Structures are given as C-alpha cells and as structure tokens.
C-alpha cells in the first residue's frame, strides 16, 4: 500500500511559479518511481514529469520541458514539482502517481490556478 498526499497548489499569476510536494507513506518510497500528472477542466489527465527511484533519471512532457523540474528526497519520502513561467492553460489539478506490485496509486491532487 502506498498513500500519496499532494500539497503546494494555489493561485499564481501568468508567468509565476509554484512548487508542489507529494508526501508518500508505505516505507517503499526509495524503490519506486514517481510521476506528476495534471488534469485540466474538461480534459484528460496527462503526464507532466517522471523521476526514477533514485532520482537519476527524469522525463518531461514536451510542453513543460525547460520550465518544470521534478525532484525527490528519499530521506523525506517526498517528490517535488517546481513549476516556472506558468500559463493560464496550465490551470489544473496536479496529481502524483506511482505503480507498485502492479497496482496504480494516486493522491487526491492539488489545485493549481494560473490567472491574473
């Protein structure tokens, strides 16, 4: 079992920044890869970024590469998503995700709103 709790969302102006956190429980954090996804109103959930279990490999969707950074602290059982130069169309609920023993785990998400 893995329990994920996202935080750090909020309201930011276009061009602004947000830093999201996802705290994990389950004593297995250091051996699981983690991903950040988002779902905008009326749209499908989409992958934003991915990080391997030891943080040595990261992958980004084309639409965020160069602006977003995923990182993790295995000592704190937490994965982060630093977002810069945010756009209004990136208003969404942001979720963290992992897969373990063929089960998919999601947090409840944190709302990020980009508006002036």
N, C-alpha and C. Protein backbone atom coordinates (compact mmCIF):
# COMPACT_ATOMS: atom_id res chain seq x y z
N UNK A 1 0.84 -1.20 0.00
CA UNK A 1 0.00 0.00 0.00
C UNK A 1 0.87 1.24 0.00
N UNK A 2 0.48 2.20 -0.83
CA UNK A 2 1.16 3.48 -0.89
C UNK A 2 0.12 4.57 -0.75
N UNK A 3 0.36 5.50 0.15
CA UNK A 3 -0.55 6.62 0.35
C UNK A 3 0.16 7.90 -0.07
N UNK A 4 -0.47 8.66 -0.97
CA UNK A 4 0.16 9.87 -1.53
C UNK A 4 -0.67 11.09 -1.18
N UNK A 5 -0.01 12.15 -0.74
CA UNK A 5 -0.70 13.39 -0.40
C UNK A 5 0.02 14.57 -1.04
N UNK A 6 -0.67 15.24 -1.96
CA UNK A 6 -0.09 16.40 -2.63
C UNK A 6 -0.40 17.68 -1.85
N UNK A 7 0.48 18.66 -2.03
CA UNK A 7 0.26 19.98 -1.43
C UNK A 7 1.03 21.01 -2.25
N UNK A 8 0.77 22.28 -1.97
CA UNK A 8 1.53 23.34 -2.61
C UNK A 8 0.82 24.08 -3.72
N UNK A 9 -0.38 23.63 -4.07
CA UNK A 9 -1.12 24.33 -5.11
C UNK A 9 -1.60 25.68 -4.63
N UNK A 10 -2.15 26.44 -5.57
CA UNK A 10 -2.66 27.76 -5.22
C UNK A 10 -2.90 28.59 -6.44
N UNK A 11 -3.10 29.88 -6.22
CA UNK A 11 -3.35 30.82 -7.30
C UNK A 11 -2.06 31.59 -7.61
N UNK A 12 -1.70 31.65 -8.87
CA UNK A 12 -0.50 32.36 -9.28
C UNK A 12 -0.79 33.10 -10.58
N UNK A 13 -0.14 34.21 -10.77
CA UNK A 13 -0.33 34.98 -12.00
C UNK A 13 0.42 34.33 -13.16
N UNK A 14 -0.02 34.58 -14.38
CA UNK A 14 0.73 34.08 -15.54
C UNK A 14 2.19 34.50 -15.46
N UNK A 15 3.07 33.55 -15.77
CA UNK A 15 4.49 33.79 -15.64
C UNK A 15 5.05 33.49 -14.27
N UNK A 16 4.18 33.18 -13.34
CA UNK A 16 4.61 32.91 -11.97
C UNK A 16 5.06 31.48 -11.76
N UNK A 17 5.33 31.17 -10.50
CA UNK A 17 5.88 29.86 -10.14
C UNK A 17 5.09 29.24 -9.00
N UNK A 18 5.10 27.92 -8.98
CA UNK A 18 4.56 27.14 -7.88
C UNK A 18 5.48 25.96 -7.63
N UNK A 19 5.55 25.55 -6.38
CA UNK A 19 6.29 24.34 -6.05
C UNK A 19 5.34 23.37 -5.35
N UNK A 20 5.13 22.25 -6.00
CA UNK A 20 4.25 21.22 -5.46
C UNK A 20 5.06 20.15 -4.74
N UNK A 21 4.44 19.57 -3.73
CA UNK A 21 5.06 18.48 -2.99
C UNK A 21 4.09 17.30 -2.95
N UNK A 22 4.65 16.12 -2.88
CA UNK A 22 3.85 14.91 -2.73
C UNK A 22 4.54 14.03 -1.70
N UNK A 23 3.90 13.88 -0.55
CA UNK A 23 4.45 13.05 0.51
C UNK A 23 3.89 11.64 0.39
N UNK A 24 4.76 10.67 0.52
CA UNK A 24 4.37 9.28 0.38
C UNK A 24 4.57 8.52 1.68
N UNK A 25 3.69 7.58 1.92
CA UNK A 25 3.86 6.68 3.05
C UNK A 25 3.82 5.26 2.53
N UNK A 26 4.36 4.34 3.29
CA UNK A 26 4.37 2.95 2.86
C UNK A 26 5.73 2.31 2.93
N UNK A 27 6.73 3.04 3.36
CA UNK A 27 8.08 2.51 3.60
C UNK A 27 8.77 1.97 2.36
N UNK A 28 8.25 2.31 1.20
CA UNK A 28 8.88 1.80 -0.01
C UNK A 28 9.29 2.92 -0.95
N UNK A 29 9.22 4.15 -0.46
CA UNK A 29 9.40 5.29 -1.36
C UNK A 29 10.71 5.21 -2.13
N UNK A 30 11.76 4.78 -1.49
CA UNK A 30 13.08 4.81 -2.13
C UNK A 30 13.22 3.81 -3.26
N UNK A 31 12.27 2.91 -3.43
CA UNK A 31 12.38 1.92 -4.50
C UNK A 31 11.33 2.10 -5.59
N UNK A 32 10.58 3.16 -5.53
CA UNK A 32 9.52 3.36 -6.52
C UNK A 32 9.75 4.63 -7.33
N UNK A 33 9.49 4.52 -8.63
CA UNK A 33 9.50 5.71 -9.47
C UNK A 33 8.23 6.52 -9.20
N UNK A 34 8.30 7.81 -9.48
CA UNK A 34 7.17 8.70 -9.21
C UNK A 34 6.87 9.55 -10.43
N UNK A 35 5.62 9.89 -10.58
CA UNK A 35 5.23 10.77 -11.67
C UNK A 35 4.30 11.86 -11.20
N UNK A 36 4.32 12.97 -11.91
CA UNK A 36 3.34 14.05 -11.73
C UNK A 36 2.47 14.10 -12.98
N UNK A 37 1.18 14.18 -12.76
CA UNK A 37 0.20 14.31 -13.83
C UNK A 37 -0.64 15.54 -13.53
N UNK A 38 -1.40 15.96 -14.54
CA UNK A 38 -2.36 17.04 -14.31
C UNK A 38 -3.61 16.79 -15.14
N UNK A 39 -4.69 17.35 -14.65
CA UNK A 39 -5.95 17.26 -15.38
C UNK A 39 -6.64 18.61 -15.35
N UNK A 40 -6.74 19.20 -16.52
CA UNK A 40 -7.43 20.48 -16.67
C UNK A 40 -8.92 20.23 -16.84
N UNK A 41 -9.74 21.24 -16.54
CA UNK A 41 -11.20 21.07 -16.69
C UNK A 41 -11.56 20.63 -18.10
N UNK A 42 -12.34 19.56 -18.20
CA UNK A 42 -12.80 19.08 -19.47
C UNK A 42 -11.78 18.34 -20.31
N UNK A 43 -10.60 18.10 -19.74
CA UNK A 43 -9.55 17.42 -20.49
C UNK A 43 -9.12 16.14 -19.80
N UNK A 44 -8.41 15.31 -20.53
CA UNK A 44 -7.90 14.07 -19.96
C UNK A 44 -6.67 14.35 -19.10
N UNK A 45 -6.44 13.45 -18.17
CA UNK A 45 -5.26 13.55 -17.34
C UNK A 45 -4.03 13.29 -18.21
N UNK A 46 -2.98 14.08 -18.00
CA UNK A 46 -1.78 13.94 -18.82
C UNK A 46 -0.52 13.92 -17.96
N UNK A 47 0.46 13.19 -18.45
CA UNK A 47 1.73 13.11 -17.74
C UNK A 47 2.48 14.43 -17.86
N UNK A 48 3.04 14.88 -16.77
CA UNK A 48 3.85 16.09 -16.75
C UNK A 48 5.33 15.75 -16.64
N UNK A 49 5.67 14.91 -15.67
CA UNK A 49 7.08 14.58 -15.44
C UNK A 49 7.18 13.28 -14.67
N UNK A 50 8.36 12.67 -14.77
CA UNK A 50 8.59 11.35 -14.16
C UNK A 50 10.00 11.35 -13.60
N UNK A 51 10.17 10.64 -12.48
CA UNK A 51 11.51 10.52 -11.90
C UNK A 51 11.73 9.10 -11.42
N UNK A 52 12.90 8.56 -11.68
CA UNK A 52 13.22 7.20 -11.26
C UNK A 52 13.39 7.11 -9.75
N UNK A 53 13.50 5.89 -9.26
CA UNK A 53 13.51 5.68 -7.81
C UNK A 53 14.68 6.37 -7.11
N UNK A 54 15.83 6.43 -7.77
CA UNK A 54 16.99 7.08 -7.13
C UNK A 54 17.19 8.51 -7.61
N UNK A 55 16.27 8.99 -8.44
CA UNK A 55 16.37 10.36 -8.93
C UNK A 55 17.34 10.53 -10.08
N UNK A 56 17.95 9.45 -10.54
CA UNK A 56 18.97 9.57 -11.57
C UNK A 56 18.43 9.78 -12.97
N UNK A 57 17.16 9.51 -13.15
CA UNK A 57 16.58 9.69 -14.48
C UNK A 57 15.27 10.45 -14.38
N UNK A 58 15.14 11.47 -15.19
CA UNK A 58 13.90 12.25 -15.23
C UNK A 58 13.43 12.36 -16.68
N UNK A 59 12.12 12.47 -16.81
CA UNK A 59 11.49 12.62 -18.13
C UNK A 59 10.43 13.71 -18.02
N UNK A 60 10.34 14.53 -19.06
CA UNK A 60 9.37 15.62 -19.07
C UNK A 60 8.53 15.58 -20.34
N UNK A 61 7.28 15.97 -20.20
CA UNK A 61 6.46 16.20 -21.38
C UNK A 61 7.02 17.40 -22.12
N UNK A 62 6.87 17.38 -23.44
CA UNK A 62 7.43 18.46 -24.27
C UNK A 62 6.90 19.83 -23.84
N UNK A 63 5.65 19.87 -23.40
CA UNK A 63 5.03 21.16 -23.12
C UNK A 63 5.50 21.77 -21.80
N UNK A 64 6.29 21.05 -21.00
CA UNK A 64 6.80 21.64 -19.75
C UNK A 64 8.32 21.62 -19.68
N UNK A 65 8.96 20.95 -20.62
CA UNK A 65 10.42 20.82 -20.56
C UNK A 65 11.08 22.19 -20.58
N UNK A 66 12.01 22.38 -19.68
CA UNK A 66 12.70 23.66 -19.57
C UNK A 66 12.06 24.62 -18.59
N UNK A 67 10.82 24.34 -18.19
CA UNK A 67 10.13 25.22 -17.24
C UNK A 67 9.84 24.51 -15.91
N UNK A 68 9.65 23.21 -15.97
CA UNK A 68 9.32 22.43 -14.77
C UNK A 68 10.51 21.55 -14.40
N UNK A 69 10.66 21.31 -13.11
CA UNK A 69 11.70 20.41 -12.63
C UNK A 69 11.12 19.46 -11.59
N UNK A 70 11.29 18.17 -11.83
CA UNK A 70 10.88 17.17 -10.85
C UNK A 70 12.09 16.73 -10.05
N UNK A 71 11.91 16.55 -8.76
CA UNK A 71 13.00 16.10 -7.91
C UNK A 71 12.40 15.30 -6.76
N UNK A 72 13.26 14.68 -5.99
CA UNK A 72 12.76 13.89 -4.87
C UNK A 72 13.76 13.86 -3.74
N UNK A 73 13.24 13.64 -2.54
CA UNK A 73 14.06 13.41 -1.36
C UNK A 73 13.64 12.07 -0.77
N UNK A 74 14.47 11.08 -0.96
CA UNK A 74 14.13 9.77 -0.40
C UNK A 74 14.24 9.78 1.13
N UNK A 75 14.99 10.72 1.67
CA UNK A 75 15.07 10.84 3.13
C UNK A 75 13.77 11.37 3.71
N UNK A 76 13.05 12.15 2.91
CA UNK A 76 11.78 12.74 3.36
C UNK A 76 10.57 12.08 2.74
N UNK A 77 10.79 11.05 1.91
CA UNK A 77 9.68 10.36 1.25
C UNK A 77 8.79 11.34 0.49
N UNK A 78 9.42 12.26 -0.21
CA UNK A 78 8.68 13.33 -0.88
C UNK A 78 9.21 13.56 -2.29
N UNK A 79 8.30 13.78 -3.20
CA UNK A 79 8.66 14.18 -4.56
C UNK A 79 8.12 15.59 -4.79
N UNK A 80 8.87 16.37 -5.56
CA UNK A 80 8.54 17.78 -5.78
C UNK A 80 8.36 18.06 -7.27
N UNK A 81 7.61 19.11 -7.54
CA UNK A 81 7.50 19.61 -8.90
C UNK A 81 7.61 21.13 -8.82
N UNK A 82 8.73 21.65 -9.28
CA UNK A 82 8.93 23.09 -9.35
C UNK A 82 8.48 23.56 -10.72
N UNK A 83 7.55 24.52 -10.74
CA UNK A 83 6.97 24.99 -11.99
C UNK A 83 7.24 26.48 -12.14
N UNK A 84 7.80 26.85 -13.27
CA UNK A 84 8.07 28.25 -13.58
C UNK A 84 7.35 28.65 -14.86
N UNK A 85 7.24 29.96 -15.08
CA UNK A 85 6.64 30.50 -16.31
C UNK A 85 5.29 29.87 -16.59
N UNK A 86 4.46 29.82 -15.59
CA UNK A 86 3.17 29.15 -15.74
C UNK A 86 2.23 29.92 -16.65
N UNK A 87 1.40 29.17 -17.36
CA UNK A 87 0.46 29.73 -18.32
C UNK A 87 -0.97 29.47 -17.85
N UNK A 88 -1.90 30.31 -18.24
CA UNK A 88 -3.30 30.09 -17.83
C UNK A 88 -3.83 28.71 -18.20
N UNK A 89 -3.42 28.20 -19.34
CA UNK A 89 -3.90 26.88 -19.77
C UNK A 89 -3.33 25.74 -18.95
N UNK A 90 -2.41 26.06 -18.04
CA UNK A 90 -1.88 25.04 -17.14
C UNK A 90 -2.64 24.97 -15.82
N UNK A 91 -3.72 25.71 -15.76
CA UNK A 91 -4.63 25.56 -14.63
C UNK A 91 -5.17 24.14 -14.63
N UNK A 92 -4.97 23.44 -13.51
CA UNK A 92 -5.34 22.03 -13.47
C UNK A 92 -5.23 21.52 -12.04
N UNK A 93 -5.77 20.34 -11.84
CA UNK A 93 -5.46 19.60 -10.62
C UNK A 93 -4.23 18.76 -10.91
N UNK A 94 -3.24 18.90 -10.06
CA UNK A 94 -1.98 18.19 -10.22
C UNK A 94 -1.93 17.00 -9.26
N UNK A 95 -1.61 15.84 -9.83
CA UNK A 95 -1.61 14.59 -9.07
C UNK A 95 -0.22 13.95 -9.10
N UNK A 96 0.14 13.32 -8.01
CA UNK A 96 1.32 12.45 -8.08
C UNK A 96 0.84 11.00 -8.17
N UNK A 97 1.73 10.18 -8.69
CA UNK A 97 1.35 8.80 -9.05
C UNK A 97 2.53 7.88 -8.92
N UNK A 98 2.25 6.65 -8.57
CA UNK A 98 3.27 5.62 -8.64
C UNK A 98 2.60 4.28 -8.90
N UNK A 99 3.41 3.35 -9.33
CA UNK A 99 2.93 1.99 -9.54
C UNK A 99 3.81 1.06 -8.72
N UNK A 100 3.18 0.13 -8.01
CA UNK A 100 3.93 -0.79 -7.17
C UNK A 100 3.20 -2.12 -7.14
N UNK A 101 3.91 -3.18 -7.47
CA UNK A 101 3.32 -4.53 -7.49
C UNK A 101 2.04 -4.53 -8.33
N UNK A 102 2.13 -3.93 -9.51
CA UNK A 102 1.04 -3.90 -10.49
C UNK A 102 -0.18 -3.12 -10.04
N UNK A 103 -0.08 -2.38 -8.97
CA UNK A 103 -1.17 -1.51 -8.52
C UNK A 103 -0.76 -0.06 -8.76
N UNK A 104 -1.73 0.74 -9.20
CA UNK A 104 -1.51 2.14 -9.50
C UNK A 104 -2.05 2.98 -8.35
N UNK A 105 -1.24 3.92 -7.86
CA UNK A 105 -1.63 4.73 -6.72
C UNK A 105 -1.65 6.20 -7.12
N UNK A 106 -2.70 6.89 -6.67
CA UNK A 106 -2.87 8.32 -6.94
C UNK A 106 -3.16 9.04 -5.64
N UNK A 107 -2.68 10.29 -5.56
CA UNK A 107 -3.14 11.15 -4.49
C UNK A 107 -4.45 11.79 -4.89
N UNK A 108 -4.98 12.64 -4.02
CA UNK A 108 -6.24 13.33 -4.31
C UNK A 108 -6.03 14.57 -5.14
N UNK A 109 -4.79 15.00 -5.30
CA UNK A 109 -4.48 16.13 -6.15
C UNK A 109 -4.44 17.45 -5.41
N UNK A 110 -3.78 18.42 -6.05
CA UNK A 110 -3.74 19.78 -5.53
C UNK A 110 -4.02 20.73 -6.68
N UNK A 111 -4.87 21.72 -6.44
CA UNK A 111 -5.31 22.62 -7.50
C UNK A 111 -4.28 23.71 -7.73
N UNK A 112 -3.88 23.85 -8.97
CA UNK A 112 -3.04 24.98 -9.37
C UNK A 112 -3.82 25.83 -10.34
N UNK A 113 -3.96 27.11 -10.03
CA UNK A 113 -4.72 28.03 -10.87
C UNK A 113 -3.83 29.17 -11.32
N UNK A 114 -3.76 29.36 -12.63
CA UNK A 114 -2.93 30.42 -13.21
C UNK A 114 -3.87 31.45 -13.80
N UNK A 115 -3.95 32.60 -13.17
CA UNK A 115 -4.88 33.64 -13.61
C UNK A 115 -4.41 34.98 -13.09
N UNK A 116 -4.75 36.03 -13.85
CA UNK A 116 -4.36 37.38 -13.42
C UNK A 116 -5.48 38.04 -12.64
